[in-house]
Amino acid sequence: MSSSPPDERPAPVVVPQLDSPSRPLQLVQWLVDPGTTLHAGDNIAELLVSGVVFHLAAPVDGVLTRVAIPSHSAVRIGDVLGWIEPDNDDE
């Protein structure tokens, strides 16, 4: 009768699979700072591939707790850019 506890681990912000997997990628800039409260779908960073800028969205509601890769860095698909502490106010 009890449900499993909510997953309270930080959610990774990951470079997604894009149409050009072999092209170099760059994290142009973070659009938010650590400590910012986010909603799933909020634009949080910009990625550059083949001269096109893509916005990276927050995967969950919560607070950006840590940035692992700074702006203006080369990145690869699957790299963890930072972590969001999920908002678990479902009680």
N, C-alpha and C. Protein backbone atom coordinates (compact mmCIF):
# COMPACT_ATOMS: atom_id res chain seq x y z
N MET A 1 0.80 -1.19 0.00
CA MET A 1 0.00 0.00 0.00
C MET A 1 0.84 1.25 0.00
N SER A 2 2.10 1.15 0.38
CA SER A 2 2.96 2.33 0.36
C SER A 2 3.60 2.47 -1.02
N SER A 3 3.76 3.70 -1.43
CA SER A 3 4.43 3.95 -2.71
C SER A 3 5.91 4.12 -2.44
N SER A 4 6.71 3.97 -3.49
CA SER A 4 8.14 4.13 -3.32
C SER A 4 8.44 5.60 -3.06
N PRO A 5 9.49 5.88 -2.28
CA PRO A 5 9.82 7.27 -1.97
C PRO A 5 10.27 8.00 -3.22
N PRO A 6 10.03 9.33 -3.26
CA PRO A 6 10.46 10.09 -4.43
C PRO A 6 11.97 10.08 -4.56
N ASP A 7 12.44 10.12 -5.79
CA ASP A 7 13.87 10.16 -6.05
C ASP A 7 14.36 11.57 -5.76
N GLU A 8 15.14 11.73 -4.71
CA GLU A 8 15.57 13.05 -4.28
C GLU A 8 17.00 13.37 -4.69
N ARG A 9 17.60 12.50 -5.49
CA ARG A 9 18.96 12.77 -5.95
C ARG A 9 18.95 13.91 -6.95
N PRO A 10 20.04 14.68 -7.01
CA PRO A 10 20.10 15.74 -8.03
C PRO A 10 19.99 15.16 -9.43
N ALA A 11 19.25 15.87 -10.28
CA ALA A 11 19.08 15.46 -11.68
C ALA A 11 20.20 16.06 -12.51
N PRO A 12 20.89 15.25 -13.31
CA PRO A 12 21.95 15.79 -14.14
C PRO A 12 21.40 16.60 -15.31
N VAL A 13 22.13 17.64 -15.67
CA VAL A 13 21.86 18.40 -16.88
C VAL A 13 22.85 17.86 -17.91
N VAL A 14 22.35 17.18 -18.93
CA VAL A 14 23.19 16.42 -19.86
C VAL A 14 23.10 17.01 -21.26
N VAL A 15 24.24 17.00 -21.97
CA VAL A 15 24.24 17.41 -23.38
C VAL A 15 23.43 16.36 -24.14
N PRO A 16 22.32 16.77 -24.78
CA PRO A 16 21.46 15.79 -25.46
C PRO A 16 22.03 15.33 -26.79
N GLN A 17 21.45 14.25 -27.30
CA GLN A 17 21.77 13.77 -28.64
C GLN A 17 21.24 14.81 -29.63
N LEU A 18 22.09 15.29 -30.51
CA LEU A 18 21.69 16.26 -31.52
C LEU A 18 21.81 15.63 -32.90
N ASP A 19 21.32 16.33 -33.92
CA ASP A 19 21.32 15.79 -35.29
C ASP A 19 22.73 15.58 -35.85
N SER A 20 23.72 16.28 -35.30
CA SER A 20 25.09 16.20 -35.82
C SER A 20 26.04 15.64 -34.77
N PRO A 21 25.97 14.32 -34.49
CA PRO A 21 26.76 13.76 -33.39
C PRO A 21 28.27 13.87 -33.56
N SER A 22 28.75 13.96 -34.80
CA SER A 22 30.20 14.00 -35.00
C SER A 22 30.74 15.43 -35.02
N ARG A 23 29.89 16.41 -35.00
CA ARG A 23 30.33 17.81 -35.04
C ARG A 23 30.75 18.28 -33.65
N PRO A 24 31.73 19.20 -33.61
CA PRO A 24 32.13 19.74 -32.30
C PRO A 24 30.98 20.55 -31.68
N LEU A 25 30.86 20.43 -30.38
CA LEU A 25 29.84 21.16 -29.62
C LEU A 25 30.53 22.11 -28.65
N GLN A 26 29.88 23.23 -28.38
CA GLN A 26 30.40 24.17 -27.39
C GLN A 26 29.27 24.61 -26.48
N LEU A 27 29.55 24.63 -25.17
CA LEU A 27 28.64 25.26 -24.22
C LEU A 27 28.92 26.75 -24.31
N VAL A 28 28.04 27.48 -25.00
CA VAL A 28 28.26 28.91 -25.22
C VAL A 28 28.17 29.66 -23.91
N GLN A 29 27.03 29.47 -23.20
CA GLN A 29 26.87 30.15 -21.93
C GLN A 29 25.74 29.53 -21.13
N TRP A 30 25.87 29.67 -19.82
CA TRP A 30 24.78 29.36 -18.91
C TRP A 30 23.87 30.58 -18.90
N LEU A 31 22.57 30.36 -18.92
CA LEU A 31 21.60 31.44 -18.87
C LEU A 31 21.10 31.70 -17.45
N VAL A 32 21.46 30.80 -16.52
CA VAL A 32 21.07 30.93 -15.12
C VAL A 32 22.30 30.65 -14.26
N ASP A 33 22.25 31.13 -13.03
CA ASP A 33 23.34 30.92 -12.07
C ASP A 33 22.95 29.84 -11.06
N PRO A 34 23.96 29.20 -10.45
CA PRO A 34 23.64 28.27 -9.36
C PRO A 34 22.80 28.98 -8.31
N GLY A 35 21.83 28.25 -7.78
CA GLY A 35 20.91 28.82 -6.80
C GLY A 35 19.60 29.28 -7.41
N THR A 36 19.53 29.29 -8.75
CA THR A 36 18.31 29.72 -9.43
C THR A 36 17.25 28.63 -9.37
N THR A 37 16.02 29.02 -8.99
CA THR A 37 14.89 28.10 -9.02
C THR A 37 14.38 27.99 -10.45
N LEU A 38 14.19 26.75 -10.90
CA LEU A 38 13.82 26.47 -12.29
C LEU A 38 12.55 25.65 -12.38
N HIS A 39 11.91 25.74 -13.52
CA HIS A 39 10.78 24.88 -13.86
C HIS A 39 11.21 24.04 -15.05
N ALA A 40 10.78 22.79 -15.08
CA ALA A 40 11.10 21.91 -16.21
C ALA A 40 10.74 22.63 -17.50
N GLY A 41 11.67 22.66 -18.44
CA GLY A 41 11.44 23.32 -19.72
C GLY A 41 12.04 24.71 -19.81
N ASP A 42 12.42 25.30 -18.67
CA ASP A 42 13.08 26.61 -18.70
C ASP A 42 14.41 26.51 -19.45
N ASN A 43 14.72 27.49 -20.28
CA ASN A 43 16.03 27.52 -20.95
C ASN A 43 17.09 27.86 -19.92
N ILE A 44 18.12 27.00 -19.85
CA ILE A 44 19.15 27.20 -18.83
C ILE A 44 20.55 27.39 -19.42
N ALA A 45 20.76 26.98 -20.66
CA ALA A 45 22.08 27.10 -21.28
C ALA A 45 21.93 27.13 -22.80
N GLU A 46 23.01 27.59 -23.46
CA GLU A 46 23.05 27.60 -24.92
C GLU A 46 24.20 26.74 -25.40
N LEU A 47 23.90 25.87 -26.38
CA LEU A 47 24.90 25.01 -27.00
C LEU A 47 25.06 25.44 -28.45
N LEU A 48 26.29 25.39 -28.95
CA LEU A 48 26.57 25.75 -30.34
C LEU A 48 27.07 24.51 -31.08
N VAL A 49 26.43 24.22 -32.22
CA VAL A 49 26.88 23.13 -33.08
C VAL A 49 26.67 23.58 -34.53
N SER A 50 27.71 23.47 -35.31
CA SER A 50 27.66 23.83 -36.74
C SER A 50 27.11 25.24 -36.97
N GLY A 51 27.47 26.17 -36.11
CA GLY A 51 27.05 27.55 -36.27
C GLY A 51 25.62 27.83 -35.84
N VAL A 52 24.95 26.84 -35.26
CA VAL A 52 23.57 27.01 -34.80
C VAL A 52 23.53 26.90 -33.28
N VAL A 53 22.82 27.84 -32.64
CA VAL A 53 22.67 27.83 -31.19
C VAL A 53 21.39 27.09 -30.82
N PHE A 54 21.53 26.13 -29.90
CA PHE A 54 20.40 25.39 -29.35
C PHE A 54 20.24 25.77 -27.89
N HIS A 55 19.00 25.91 -27.45
CA HIS A 55 18.75 26.14 -26.03
C HIS A 55 18.59 24.80 -25.34
N LEU A 56 19.20 24.68 -24.17
CA LEU A 56 19.09 23.49 -23.36
C LEU A 56 18.09 23.78 -22.25
N ALA A 57 17.11 22.91 -22.07
CA ALA A 57 16.03 23.12 -21.10
C ALA A 57 16.30 22.34 -19.81
N ALA A 58 15.78 22.88 -18.72
CA ALA A 58 15.86 22.19 -17.43
C ALA A 58 15.04 20.90 -17.53
N PRO A 59 15.61 19.77 -17.08
CA PRO A 59 14.88 18.50 -17.18
C PRO A 59 13.81 18.32 -16.10
N VAL A 60 13.94 19.05 -14.98
CA VAL A 60 13.02 18.92 -13.85
C VAL A 60 12.82 20.28 -13.19
N ASP A 61 11.77 20.39 -12.38
CA ASP A 61 11.61 21.54 -11.50
C ASP A 61 12.64 21.41 -10.38
N GLY A 62 13.23 22.52 -9.96
CA GLY A 62 14.17 22.48 -8.85
C GLY A 62 15.11 23.66 -8.86
N VAL A 63 16.25 23.47 -8.22
CA VAL A 63 17.26 24.53 -8.10
C VAL A 63 18.56 24.04 -8.71
N LEU A 64 19.14 24.87 -9.58
CA LEU A 64 20.46 24.55 -10.13
C LEU A 64 21.46 24.65 -8.99
N THR A 65 22.01 23.50 -8.60
CA THR A 65 22.90 23.49 -7.44
C THR A 65 24.37 23.53 -7.79
N ARG A 66 24.70 23.07 -9.00
CA ARG A 66 26.12 23.01 -9.34
C ARG A 66 26.31 23.06 -10.85
N VAL A 67 27.30 23.82 -11.28
CA VAL A 67 27.72 23.87 -12.67
C VAL A 67 29.05 23.12 -12.75
N ALA A 68 29.10 22.07 -13.57
CA ALA A 68 30.31 21.26 -13.68
C ALA A 68 31.21 21.72 -14.82
N ILE A 69 30.62 22.30 -15.85
CA ILE A 69 31.38 22.74 -17.02
C ILE A 69 31.07 24.22 -17.25
N PRO A 70 32.09 25.06 -17.30
CA PRO A 70 31.85 26.50 -17.46
C PRO A 70 31.50 26.88 -18.90
N SER A 71 30.94 28.07 -19.05
CA SER A 71 30.64 28.62 -20.37
C SER A 71 31.91 28.64 -21.22
N HIS A 72 31.72 28.61 -22.53
CA HIS A 72 32.80 28.67 -23.53
C HIS A 72 33.68 27.42 -23.52
N SER A 73 33.10 26.28 -23.11
CA SER A 73 33.85 25.02 -23.07
C SER A 73 33.39 24.08 -24.18
N ALA A 74 34.32 23.32 -24.70
CA ALA A 74 33.97 22.25 -25.65
C ALA A 74 33.32 21.13 -24.84
N VAL A 75 32.24 20.56 -25.39
CA VAL A 75 31.52 19.48 -24.72
C VAL A 75 31.20 18.39 -25.74
N ARG A 76 30.77 17.23 -25.22
CA ARG A 76 30.37 16.10 -26.07
C ARG A 76 28.97 15.65 -25.66
N ILE A 77 28.30 14.98 -26.56
CA ILE A 77 26.99 14.41 -26.26
C ILE A 77 27.14 13.49 -25.05
N GLY A 78 26.25 13.66 -24.09
CA GLY A 78 26.28 12.84 -22.87
C GLY A 78 27.03 13.46 -21.72
N ASP A 79 27.80 14.53 -21.96
CA ASP A 79 28.51 15.19 -20.87
C ASP A 79 27.52 15.76 -19.87
N VAL A 80 27.85 15.65 -18.58
CA VAL A 80 27.03 16.26 -17.53
C VAL A 80 27.54 17.69 -17.32
N LEU A 81 26.65 18.64 -17.56
CA LEU A 81 27.02 20.06 -17.45
C LEU A 81 26.81 20.60 -16.04
N GLY A 82 25.88 20.03 -15.32
CA GLY A 82 25.56 20.50 -13.98
C GLY A 82 24.48 19.63 -13.37
N TRP A 83 23.97 20.06 -12.20
CA TRP A 83 22.96 19.28 -11.48
C TRP A 83 21.86 20.20 -10.96
N ILE A 84 20.65 19.67 -10.98
CA ILE A 84 19.48 20.37 -10.45
C ILE A 84 18.92 19.53 -9.30
N GLU A 85 18.76 20.15 -8.14
CA GLU A 85 18.14 19.50 -7.00
C GLU A 85 16.62 19.58 -7.23
N PRO A 86 15.97 18.41 -7.41
CA PRO A 86 14.54 18.43 -7.75
C PRO A 86 13.69 19.05 -6.64
N ASP A 87 12.60 19.67 -7.07
CA ASP A 87 11.62 20.24 -6.17
C ASP A 87 10.62 19.15 -5.84
N ASN A 88 10.67 18.63 -4.62
CA ASN A 88 9.79 17.52 -4.24
C ASN A 88 8.72 17.99 -3.27
N ASP A 89 7.93 18.96 -3.68
CA ASP A 89 6.85 19.48 -2.83
C ASP A 89 5.54 18.75 -3.11
N ASP A 90 5.61 17.44 -3.34
CA ASP A 90 4.41 16.67 -3.66
C ASP A 90 3.74 16.07 -2.42
N GLU A 91 4.04 16.56 -1.27
CA GLU A 91 3.53 15.96 -0.03
C GLU A 91 2.11 16.35 0.26
